[in-house]
C-alpha atoms as a PDB file:
ATOM      1  CA  MET A   1      30.933  19.080  13.876  1.00  0.00           C
ATOM      2  CA  ILE A   2      29.113  15.906  12.608  1.00  0.00           C
ATOM      3  CA  LEU A   3      28.293  16.024   8.916  1.00  0.00           C
ATOM      4  CA  LYS A   4      25.040  14.428   7.937  1.00  0.00           C
ATOM      5  CA  LYS A   5      25.432  11.884   5.081  1.00  0.00           C
ATOM      6  CA  LYS A   6      23.453  12.780   2.019  1.00  0.00           C
ATOM      7  CA  LYS A   7      20.577  10.379   1.255  1.00  0.00           C
ATOM      8  CA  TRP A   8      19.974  11.343  -2.375  1.00  0.00           C
ATOM      9  CA  HIS A   9      22.518  10.493  -5.110  1.00  0.00           C
ATOM     10  CA  CYS A  10      22.363  11.463  -8.741  1.00  0.00           C
ATOM     11  CA  LEU A  11      22.950   8.628 -11.260  1.00  0.00           C
ATOM     12  CA  PRO A  12      26.616   8.405 -12.235  1.00  0.00           C
ATOM     13  CA  GLY A  13      27.390   9.562 -15.725  1.00  0.00           C
ATOM     14  CA  GLN A  14      23.869  10.967 -16.201  1.00  0.00           C
ATOM     15  CA  PRO A  15      22.887  14.590 -16.434  1.00  0.00           C
ATOM     16  CA  ILE A  16      21.198  16.133 -13.379  1.00  0.00           C
ATOM     17  CA  THR A  17      17.407  16.059 -13.888  1.00  0.00           C
ATOM     18  CA  GLU A  18      14.697  18.331 -12.581  1.00  0.00           C
ATOM     19  CA  LEU A  19      13.759  15.596 -10.076  1.00  0.00           C
ATOM     20  CA  ASP A  20      17.378  15.571  -8.896  1.00  0.00           C
ATOM     21  CA  LYS A  21      17.291  19.408  -8.441  1.00  0.00           C
ATOM     22  CA  GLN A  22      14.050  19.263  -6.595  1.00  0.00           C
ATOM     23  CA  VAL A  23      15.102  16.517  -4.141  1.00  0.00           C
ATOM     24  CA  MET A  24      18.574  17.995  -3.522  1.00  0.00           C
ATOM     25  CA  SER A  25      17.002  21.416  -2.883  1.00  0.00           C
ATOM     26  CA  TRP A  26      14.759  20.015  -0.130  1.00  0.00           C
ATOM     27  CA  GLU A  27      17.533  17.954   1.302  1.00  0.00           C
ATOM     28  CA  LYS A  28      19.712  21.032   1.545  1.00  0.00           C
ATOM     29  CA  LYS A  29      16.879  22.662   3.539  1.00  0.00           C
ATOM     30  CA  GLY A  30      17.135  19.808   6.042  1.00  0.00           C
ATOM     31  CA  LYS A  31      14.025  17.885   4.921  1.00  0.00           C
ATOM     32  CA  GLU A  32      13.806  14.067   4.911  1.00  0.00           C
ATOM     33  CA  VAL A  33      14.133  12.793   1.366  1.00  0.00           C
ATOM     34  CA  PRO A  34      13.872   9.385  -0.137  1.00  0.00           C
ATOM     35  CA  SER A  35      16.860   7.351  -1.215  1.00  0.00           C
ATOM     36  CA  ARG A  36      17.182   6.671  -4.996  1.00  0.00           C
ATOM     37  CA  ASP A  37      16.100   3.056  -4.599  1.00  0.00           C
ATOM     38  CA  LEU A  38      12.649   4.024  -3.410  1.00  0.00           C
ATOM     39  CA  ILE A  39      11.961   5.603  -6.876  1.00  0.00           C
ATOM     40  CA  LYS A  40      10.494   2.737  -8.894  1.00  0.00           C
ATOM     41  CA  THR A  41      11.366   2.297 -12.553  1.00  0.00           C
ATOM     42  CA  PRO A  42       8.569   2.147 -15.203  1.00  0.00           C
ATOM     43  CA  GLU A  43       9.114  -1.628 -15.423  1.00  0.00           C
ATOM     44  CA  GLN A  44       8.787  -2.019 -11.667  1.00  0.00           C
ATOM     45  CA  ILE A  45       5.656   0.139 -11.565  1.00  0.00           C
ATOM     46  CA  GLU A  46       4.111  -2.070 -14.326  1.00  0.00           C
ATOM     47  CA  GLY A  47       4.893  -5.143 -12.324  1.00  0.00           C
ATOM     48  CA  ILE A  48       3.227  -3.636  -9.229  1.00  0.00           C
ATOM     49  CA  ARG A  49       0.269  -2.616 -11.364  1.00  0.00           C
ATOM     50  CA  LYS A  50      -0.213  -6.243 -12.534  1.00  0.00           C
ATOM     51  CA  SER A  51      -0.039  -7.459  -8.981  1.00  0.00           C
ATOM     52  CA  GLY A  52      -2.600  -4.795  -8.097  1.00  0.00           C
ATOM     53  CA  VAL A  53      -5.011  -6.067 -10.739  1.00  0.00           C
ATOM     54  CA  ILE A  54      -4.994  -9.481  -8.917  1.00  0.00           C
ATOM     55  CA  ASN A  55      -5.259  -7.828  -5.561  1.00  0.00           C
ATOM     56  CA  THR A  56      -8.317  -5.882  -6.615  1.00  0.00           C
ATOM     57  CA  GLY A  57      -9.909  -8.947  -8.256  1.00  0.00           C
ATOM     58  CA  CYS A  58      -9.395 -10.892  -5.047  1.00  0.00           C
ATOM     59  CA  LEU A  59     -11.294  -8.188  -2.970  1.00  0.00           C
ATOM     60  CA  ASP A  60     -13.962  -8.096  -5.722  1.00  0.00           C
ATOM     61  CA  GLU A  61     -14.476 -11.824  -5.210  1.00  0.00           C
ATOM     62  CA  VAL A  62     -14.863 -11.349  -1.466  1.00  0.00           C
ATOM     63  CA  ALA A  63     -17.438  -8.598  -2.139  1.00  0.00           C
ATOM     64  CA  LYS A  64     -19.404 -10.980  -4.318  1.00  0.00           C
ATOM     65  CA  ASN A  65     -19.582 -13.654  -1.625  1.00  0.00           C
ATOM     66  CA  ILE A  66     -19.525 -12.058   1.809  1.00  0.00           C
ATOM     67  CA  HIS A  67     -22.786 -12.447   3.763  1.00  0.00           C
ATOM     68  CA  VAL A  68     -24.436 -12.927   7.167  1.00  0.00           C
ATOM     69  CA  GLY A  69     -23.630 -16.331   8.656  1.00  0.00           C
ATOM     70  CA  MET A  70     -20.215 -16.699   6.829  1.00  0.00           C
ATOM     71  CA  ASN A  71     -17.198 -17.325   8.926  1.00  0.00           C
ATOM     72  CA  THR A  72     -13.976 -15.528   8.331  1.00  0.00           C
ATOM     73  CA  GLN A  73     -12.070 -18.781   7.425  1.00  0.00           C
ATOM     74  CA  GLU A  74     -14.289 -18.837   4.387  1.00  0.00           C
ATOM     75  CA  ILE A  75     -13.044 -15.374   3.404  1.00  0.00           C
ATOM     76  CA  ASP A  76      -9.461 -16.687   3.723  1.00  0.00           C
ATOM     77  CA  ASP A  77     -10.448 -19.685   1.541  1.00  0.00           C
ATOM     78  CA  ILE A  78     -11.810 -17.402  -1.160  1.00  0.00           C
ATOM     79  CA  CYS A  79      -8.636 -15.279  -1.152  1.00  0.00           C
ATOM     80  CA  MET A  80      -6.336 -18.312  -1.190  1.00  0.00           C
ATOM     81  CA  ALA A  81      -8.215 -19.869  -4.110  1.00  0.00           C
ATOM     82  CA  TYR A  82      -8.161 -16.629  -6.106  1.00  0.00           C
ATOM     83  CA  CYS A  83      -4.463 -16.282  -5.676  1.00  0.00           C
ATOM     84  CA  LYS A  84      -3.833 -19.801  -6.856  1.00  0.00           C
ATOM     85  CA  GLU A  85      -6.124 -19.288  -9.887  1.00  0.00           C
ATOM     86  CA  HIS A  86      -4.051 -16.270 -10.910  1.00  0.00           C
ATOM     87  CA  ASP A  87      -0.506 -17.526 -10.108  1.00  0.00           C
ATOM     88  CA  ALA A  88      -0.162 -15.134  -7.204  1.00  0.00           C
ATOM     89  CA  THR A  89       0.987 -15.580  -3.626  1.00  0.00           C
ATOM     90  CA  PRO A  90      -0.685 -14.143  -0.537  1.00  0.00           C
ATOM     91  CA  ALA A  91       2.053 -12.092   1.127  1.00  0.00           C
ATOM     92  CA  CYS A  92       0.652 -12.329   4.665  1.00  0.00           C
ATOM     93  CA  LEU A  93       0.754 -16.132   4.724  1.00  0.00           C
ATOM     94  CA  ASN A  94       3.590 -17.111   7.194  1.00  0.00           C
ATOM     95  CA  TYR A  95       4.827 -13.533   7.278  1.00  0.00           C
ATOM     96  CA  GLU A  96       6.508 -13.248  10.726  1.00  0.00           C
ATOM     97  CA  GLY A  97       4.284 -16.057  11.976  1.00  0.00           C
ATOM     98  CA  TYR A  98       0.968 -14.847  10.565  1.00  0.00           C
ATOM     99  CA  PRO A  99      -0.972 -17.976   9.950  1.00  0.00           C
ATOM    100  CA  LYS A 100      -3.445 -16.970   7.155  1.00  0.00           C
ATOM    101  CA  SER A 101      -3.517 -15.433   3.689  1.00  0.00           C
ATOM    102  CA  VAL A 102      -5.672 -12.398   4.514  1.00  0.00           C
ATOM    103  CA  CYS A 103      -6.564 -10.191   7.517  1.00  0.00           C
ATOM    104  CA  THR A 104     -10.306 -10.136   8.571  1.00  0.00           C
ATOM    105  CA  SER A 105     -10.938  -7.427  11.291  1.00  0.00           C
ATOM    106  CA  ILE A 106     -14.468  -7.236  12.760  1.00  0.00           C
ATOM    107  CA  ASN A 107     -15.938  -4.269  14.613  1.00  0.00           C
ATOM    108  CA  GLU A 108     -13.522  -3.276  17.430  1.00  0.00           C
ATOM    109  CA  VAL A 109     -10.543  -5.261  15.855  1.00  0.00           C
ATOM    110  CA  VAL A 110      -8.511  -2.434  14.152  1.00  0.00           C
ATOM    111  CA  CYS A 111      -6.364  -4.646  11.977  1.00  0.00           C
ATOM    112  CA  HIS A 112      -4.559  -7.966  11.579  1.00  0.00           C
ATOM    113  CA  GLY A 113      -7.664  -9.979  12.574  1.00  0.00           C
ATOM    114  CA  ILE A 114      -7.002 -13.674  11.925  1.00  0.00           C
ATOM    115  CA  PRO A 115      -9.493 -15.706   9.990  1.00  0.00           C
ATOM    116  CA  LYS A 116     -11.030 -18.568  11.893  1.00  0.00           C
ATOM    117  CA  GLU A 117     -14.146 -20.839  11.702  1.00  0.00           C
ATOM    118  CA  GLU A 118     -15.541 -19.584  15.004  1.00  0.00           C
ATOM    119  CA  ASP A 119     -15.708 -15.932  13.881  1.00  0.00           C
ATOM    120  CA  VAL A 120     -19.173 -15.858  12.180  1.00  0.00           C
ATOM    121  CA  LEU A 121     -20.377 -12.641  10.624  1.00  0.00           C
ATOM    122  CA  GLU A 122     -23.590 -11.335  12.175  1.00  0.00           C
ATOM    123  CA  GLU A 123     -26.126  -8.787  11.003  1.00  0.00           C
ATOM    124  CA  GLY A 124     -24.713  -5.345  11.739  1.00  0.00           C
ATOM    125  CA  ASP A 125     -21.043  -6.205  11.833  1.00  0.00           C
ATOM    126  CA  ILE A 126     -18.540  -4.175  10.027  1.00  0.00           C
ATOM    127  CA  ILE A 127     -15.379  -5.982   8.723  1.00  0.00           C
ATOM    128  CA  ASN A 128     -12.150  -4.919   7.102  1.00  0.00           C
ATOM    129  CA  VAL A 129     -10.629  -7.402   4.675  1.00  0.00           C
ATOM    130  CA  ASP A 130      -6.904  -6.646   3.986  1.00  0.00           C
ATOM    131  CA  MET A 131      -5.105  -8.439   1.215  1.00  0.00           C
ATOM    132  CA  THR A 132      -1.471  -8.248  -0.068  1.00  0.00           C
ATOM    133  CA  THR A 133      -0.600 -10.130  -3.192  1.00  0.00           C
ATOM    134  CA  ILE A 134       2.737 -11.107  -4.688  1.00  0.00           C
ATOM    135  CA  PHE A 135       2.857 -11.548  -8.477  1.00  0.00           C
ATOM    136  CA  ASN A 136       6.160 -12.142 -10.318  1.00  0.00           C
ATOM    137  CA  GLY A 137       7.936 -10.827  -7.263  1.00  0.00           C
ATOM    138  CA  TYR A 138       5.879  -7.487  -7.058  1.00  0.00           C
ATOM    139  CA  TYR A 139       3.733  -6.618  -4.068  1.00  0.00           C
ATOM    140  CA  ALA A 140       0.332  -4.851  -3.993  1.00  0.00           C
ATOM    141  CA  ASP A 141      -1.736  -4.072  -0.880  1.00  0.00           C
ATOM    142  CA  ALA A 142      -5.371  -2.932  -0.306  1.00  0.00           C
ATOM    143  CA  SER A 143      -8.247  -3.309   2.117  1.00  0.00           C
ATOM    144  CA  ARG A 144     -11.935  -2.585   2.130  1.00  0.00           C
ATOM    145  CA  MET A 145     -14.710  -2.307   4.592  1.00  0.00           C
ATOM    146  CA  PHE A 146     -17.860  -4.406   4.315  1.00  0.00           C
ATOM    147  CA  ILE A 147     -21.166  -3.739   6.183  1.00  0.00           C
ATOM    148  CA  ILE A 148     -22.888  -7.047   6.947  1.00  0.00           C
ATOM    149  CA  GLY A 149     -26.652  -6.684   6.343  1.00  0.00           C
ATOM    150  CA  LYS A 150     -28.096  -3.591   8.010  1.00  0.00           C
ATOM    151  CA  THR A 151     -26.017  -1.898  10.752  1.00  0.00           C
ATOM    152  CA  THR A 152     -26.352   1.154  13.017  1.00  0.00           C
ATOM    153  CA  PRO A 153     -26.136   4.764  11.705  1.00  0.00           C
ATOM    154  CA  GLU A 154     -23.083   5.193  13.923  1.00  0.00           C
ATOM    155  CA  LYS A 155     -21.234   2.352  12.246  1.00  0.00           C
ATOM    156  CA  GLU A 156     -22.381   3.482   8.784  1.00  0.00           C
ATOM    157  CA  GLN A 157     -20.934   6.917   9.404  1.00  0.00           C
ATOM    158  CA  LEU A 158     -17.670   5.587  10.706  1.00  0.00           C
ATOM    159  CA  VAL A 159     -17.238   3.391   7.596  1.00  0.00           C
ATOM    160  CA  ARG A 160     -18.038   6.384   5.313  1.00  0.00           C
ATOM    161  CA  VAL A 161     -15.844   8.853   7.083  1.00  0.00           C
ATOM    162  CA  ALA A 162     -12.874   6.354   7.075  1.00  0.00           C
ATOM    163  CA  LYS A 163     -13.202   6.132   3.291  1.00  0.00           C
ATOM    164  CA  GLU A 164     -13.404   9.928   3.119  1.00  0.00           C
ATOM    165  CA  CYS A 165     -10.213  10.077   5.114  1.00  0.00           C
ATOM    166  CA  LEU A 166      -8.398   7.875   2.559  1.00  0.00           C
ATOM    167  CA  GLU A 167      -9.703   9.985  -0.287  1.00  0.00           C
ATOM    168  CA  ILE A 168      -8.775  13.289   1.381  1.00  0.00           C
ATOM    169  CA  GLY A 169      -5.287  11.942   2.300  1.00  0.00           C
ATOM    170  CA  ALA A 170      -4.787  10.978  -1.401  1.00  0.00           C
ATOM    171  CA  GLU A 171      -5.804  14.449  -2.527  1.00  0.00           C
ATOM    172  CA  ALA A 172      -3.231  15.881  -0.165  1.00  0.00           C
ATOM    173  CA  ALA A 173      -0.410  13.739  -1.668  1.00  0.00           C
ATOM    174  CA  LYS A 174       1.124  15.928  -4.346  1.00  0.00           C
ATOM    175  CA  PRO A 175       4.528  15.618  -6.022  1.00  0.00           C
ATOM    176  CA  TYR A 176       7.221  17.220  -3.779  1.00  0.00           C
ATOM    177  CA  SER A 177       4.691  17.484  -0.892  1.00  0.00           C
ATOM    178  CA  PHE A 178       5.357  15.580   2.361  1.00  0.00           C
ATOM    179  CA  VAL A 179       4.007  12.536   4.174  1.00  0.00           C
ATOM    180  CA  GLY A 180       2.854  14.856   7.024  1.00  0.00           C
ATOM    181  CA  ASP A 181       0.577  16.657   4.487  1.00  0.00           C
ATOM    182  CA  ILE A 182      -1.347  13.325   4.089  1.00  0.00           C
ATOM    183  CA  GLY A 183      -1.597  12.832   7.881  1.00  0.00           C
ATOM    184  CA  HIS A 184      -2.598  16.363   8.578  1.00  0.00           C
ATOM    185  CA  ALA A 185      -5.502  16.212   6.104  1.00  0.00           C
ATOM    186  CA  ILE A 186      -6.721  12.910   7.442  1.00  0.00           C
ATOM    187  CA  GLN A 187      -6.545  13.908  11.091  1.00  0.00           C
ATOM    188  CA  LYS A 188      -8.381  17.188  10.462  1.00  0.00           C
ATOM    189  CA  HIS A 189     -11.236  15.385   8.753  1.00  0.00           C
ATOM    190  CA  ALA A 190     -11.530  12.531  11.234  1.00  0.00           C
ATOM    191  CA  GLU A 191     -11.492  14.917  14.257  1.00  0.00           C
ATOM    192  CA  LYS A 192     -14.492  16.860  12.885  1.00  0.00           C
ATOM    193  CA  TYR A 193     -16.410  13.768  13.935  1.00  0.00           C
ATOM    194  CA  HIS A 194     -14.514  13.367  17.196  1.00  0.00           C
ATOM    195  CA  TYR A 195     -12.967  10.101  15.902  1.00  0.00           C
ATOM    196  CA  GLY A 196      -9.534   8.805  16.924  1.00  0.00           C
ATOM    197  CA  VAL A 197      -6.837   8.328  14.299  1.00  0.00           C
ATOM    198  CA  VAL A 198      -4.714   5.343  15.197  1.00  0.00           C
ATOM    199  CA  ARG A 199      -1.062   6.353  15.685  1.00  0.00           C
ATOM    200  CA  ASP A 200       0.633   3.002  16.440  1.00  0.00           C
ATOM    201  CA  LEU A 201       0.154   1.728  12.859  1.00  0.00           C
ATOM    202  CA  CYS A 202       0.558   3.390   9.537  1.00  0.00           C
ATOM    203  CA  GLY A 203       0.742   3.142   5.786  1.00  0.00           C
ATOM    204  CA  HIS A 204       4.054   2.339   4.094  1.00  0.00           C
ATOM    205  CA  GLY A 205       6.097   1.988   0.979  1.00  0.00           C
ATOM    206  CA  VAL A 206       5.409  -1.163  -0.985  1.00  0.00           C
ATOM    207  CA  GLY A 207       6.232  -2.848  -4.287  1.00  0.00           C
ATOM    208  CA  LEU A 208       9.450  -4.727  -3.998  1.00  0.00           C
ATOM    209  CA  ASP A 209       8.716  -5.913  -0.475  1.00  0.00           C
ATOM    210  CA  ILE A 210       5.707  -6.022   1.725  1.00  0.00           C
ATOM    211  CA  HIS A 211       6.814  -3.061   3.839  1.00  0.00           C
ATOM    212  CA  GLU A 212       9.276  -0.339   2.609  1.00  0.00           C
ATOM    213  CA  GLU A 213      10.050   3.255   3.463  1.00  0.00           C
ATOM    214  CA  PRO A 214       8.391   5.634   4.085  1.00  0.00           C
ATOM    215  CA  ASP A 215       6.151   5.219   7.061  1.00  0.00           C
ATOM    216  CA  VAL A 216       2.837   6.958   6.015  1.00  0.00           C
ATOM    217  CA  VAL A 217       1.400   8.197   9.276  1.00  0.00           C
ATOM    218  CA  HIS A 218      -2.233   9.350   9.317  1.00  0.00           C
ATOM    219  CA  TYR A 219      -1.867  12.259  11.685  1.00  0.00           C
ATOM    220  CA  GLY A 220       0.559  15.114  12.112  1.00  0.00           C
ATOM    221  CA  HIS A 221       1.668  18.349  10.703  1.00  0.00           C
ATOM    222  CA  LYS A 222       2.101  19.782   7.178  1.00  0.00           C
ATOM    223  CA  GLY A 223       5.662  19.773   5.883  1.00  0.00           C
ATOM    224  CA  SER A 224       6.780  16.824   8.187  1.00  0.00           C
ATOM    225  CA  GLY A 225       7.966  13.390   7.258  1.00  0.00           C
ATOM    226  CA  MET A 226       9.539  12.257   3.989  1.00  0.00           C
ATOM    227  CA  LEU A 227       9.372  14.186   0.721  1.00  0.00           C
ATOM    228  CA  LEU A 228       7.024  12.524  -1.866  1.00  0.00           C
ATOM    229  CA  VAL A 229       8.682  12.107  -5.177  1.00  0.00           C
ATOM    230  CA  PRO A 230       7.377  10.874  -8.566  1.00  0.00           C
ATOM    231  CA  GLY A 231       8.092   7.107  -8.814  1.00  0.00           C
ATOM    232  CA  MET A 232       7.476   6.381  -5.200  1.00  0.00           C
ATOM    233  CA  VAL A 233       4.852   3.689  -4.456  1.00  0.00           C
ATOM    234  CA  PHE A 234       3.098   3.536  -1.036  1.00  0.00           C
ATOM    235  CA  THR A 235      -0.135   2.850   0.761  1.00  0.00           C
ATOM    236  CA  ILE A 236      -2.475   5.175   2.527  1.00  0.00           C
ATOM    237  CA  GLU A 237      -4.591   3.188   4.970  1.00  0.00           C
ATOM    238  CA  PRO A 238      -6.066   5.318   7.778  1.00  0.00           C
ATOM    239  CA  MET A 239      -7.450   3.353  10.697  1.00  0.00           C
ATOM    240  CA  ILE A 240     -10.245   5.548  12.197  1.00  0.00           C
ATOM    241  CA  ASN A 241     -11.640   4.629  15.621  1.00  0.00           C
ATOM    242  CA  GLN A 242     -15.130   5.681  16.858  1.00  0.00           C
ATOM    243  CA  GLY A 243     -13.540   6.522  20.232  1.00  0.00           C
ATOM    244  CA  THR A 244     -10.026   6.741  21.403  1.00  0.00           C
ATOM    245  CA  TRP A 245      -7.022   6.497  19.006  1.00  0.00           C
ATOM    246  CA  LYS A 246      -5.338   4.182  21.430  1.00  0.00           C
ATOM    247  CA  VAL A 247      -5.082   0.482  20.692  1.00  0.00           C
ATOM    248  CA  PHE A 248      -3.820  -2.754  22.345  1.00  0.00           C
ATOM    249  CA  LEU A 249      -2.696  -6.217  21.380  1.00  0.00           C
ATOM    250  CA  ASP A 250      -5.412  -8.800  22.046  1.00  0.00           C
ATOM    251  CA  ALA A 251      -4.067 -11.033  24.833  1.00  0.00           C
ATOM    252  CA  ASP A 252      -6.256 -13.905  23.693  1.00  0.00           C
ATOM    253  CA  ASP A 253      -4.614 -14.057  20.331  1.00  0.00           C
ATOM    254  CA  PRO A 254      -1.964 -16.833  20.484  1.00  0.00           C
ATOM    255  CA  TYR A 255      -0.260 -15.483  17.381  1.00  0.00           C
ATOM    256  CA  GLU A 256       0.061 -11.919  18.890  1.00  0.00           C
ATOM    257  CA  TRP A 257      -1.236 -10.136  15.810  1.00  0.00           C
ATOM    258  CA  GLU A 258      -4.822  -8.879  16.472  1.00  0.00           C
ATOM    259  CA  ILE A 259      -4.981  -5.181  17.372  1.00  0.00           C
ATOM    260  CA  VAL A 260      -8.086  -3.930  19.220  1.00  0.00           C
ATOM    261  CA  THR A 261      -9.353  -0.380  20.020  1.00  0.00           C
ATOM    262  CA  GLY A 262      -8.455   0.791  23.488  1.00  0.00           C
ATOM    263  CA  ASP A 263     -12.115   1.369  24.434  1.00  0.00           C
ATOM    264  CA  GLU A 264     -13.416  -1.546  22.330  1.00  0.00           C
ATOM    265  CA  LEU A 265     -15.550   0.703  20.233  1.00  0.00           C
ATOM    266  CA  PRO A 266     -15.685   0.001  16.428  1.00  0.00           C
ATOM    267  CA  SER A 267     -12.895   0.868  14.023  1.00  0.00           C
ATOM    268  CA  ALA A 268     -12.860   1.235  10.234  1.00  0.00           C
ATOM    269  CA  GLN A 269     -10.102   1.313   7.623  1.00  0.00           C
ATOM    270  CA  TRP A 270      -9.725   1.566   3.836  1.00  0.00           C
ATOM    271  CA  GLU A 271      -6.449   1.104   1.976  1.00  0.00           C
ATOM    272  CA  HIS A 272      -5.177   1.667  -1.521  1.00  0.00           C
ATOM    273  CA  THR A 273      -1.724   1.302  -3.069  1.00  0.00           C
ATOM    274  CA  PHE A 274      -0.674   4.508  -4.978  1.00  0.00           C
ATOM    275  CA  VAL A 275       2.135   5.522  -7.304  1.00  0.00           C
ATOM    276  CA  MET A 276       3.152   9.159  -7.164  1.00  0.00           C
ATOM    277  CA  THR A 277       3.279  10.730 -10.644  1.00  0.00           C
ATOM    278  CA  GLU A 278       4.194  14.239 -11.843  1.00  0.00           C
ATOM    279  CA  HIS A 279       0.555  15.190 -11.458  1.00  0.00           C
ATOM    280  CA  GLY A 280      -0.520  13.444  -8.220  1.00  0.00           C
ATOM    281  CA  VAL A 281      -1.187   9.929  -7.146  1.00  0.00           C
ATOM    282  CA  GLU A 282      -2.561   7.093  -9.305  1.00  0.00           C
ATOM    283  CA  ILE A 283      -4.338   4.111  -7.647  1.00  0.00           C
ATOM    284  CA  LEU A 284      -2.660   0.782  -8.385  1.00  0.00           C
ATOM    285  CA  THR A 285      -5.024  -1.307  -6.281  1.00  0.00           C
ATOM    286  CA  TYR A 286      -8.176  -0.824  -4.252  1.00  0.00           C
END
C-alpha cells in the first residue's frame, strides 16, 4: 500500500489551532489542501496590500488616459512611468520572454496581448489591460476591461457579464470552501448567456511570486480543487468568450504569448487579487 504524504503540517512547538483542525479534517477526508507556506503572514499580506495600491493606481491612470486613436504602446508607457514614479517594478517585463510591462488584449485576444505602436484603438473596441506590480518584493495582479467610445450591445453585455462572473466567483469563495466552488458559480452564470468559459488559462495564487498555487479554474464542480483557507492570497480572473471556450496561440506573434478565441469572437476578462479572511475574501487590488 502506498501512503500519501501529508501536505499540511502544524507549527512545531505551537498548540494546534482551529485552522489546523479544519485543514487536517478535510485532508483526512481526501481533499486537496494547501501547504503551510501558502498561508501568508499578516506582514506579508500588508506587503501585498501596498503593492496592490500601486497596481490599482496604475490601472486608474490608464482609465484616465485611454481613448480612441491611442496605440497600445502608449498604454505600456503609462504603466511603466507609473511604476517608476512609485518605486515599483512591472512583473511581466522580461518574464519568460514577455517584452512589455503590461498586457493589452483587444477584442478577440483573450489575454497576453503585447503592446505595440501598430495596435491603434478604434471606436467600438473592447480591451483588457492586465498589470502585475512588484513592490518591496511583493506581487499584486489585476486587470480591467475598457470600452473604447461606443460599442455594440453584444460587446457591452459581454463586458458586463464577465465582471458579474468575477463578482459571483468572489461571493462563492468562503473560508474552508473549495476552488471548484468558484469555478462552478462562474460557469453557471456565464452559460446562462451561452458564453464560453476559457479552460486553458486560470487564476492563481500570488503574493510572494507572480504565480503560486493554487490554480483557480473558472469552471467545474462544487467541492473540487484545493481547500481555501484564511491567509491564502489568489486571483480570480474569468476569461469569458462570446462563443466557444476554446482558444489558440496566435501564430503571428513572434513572442508566442498572445492567446485568441477559437472562433475569433470577442472575449472579456476582469481580475482582482483577493486575500481569504475568516469572513470571506477581501480585495487587495482591482
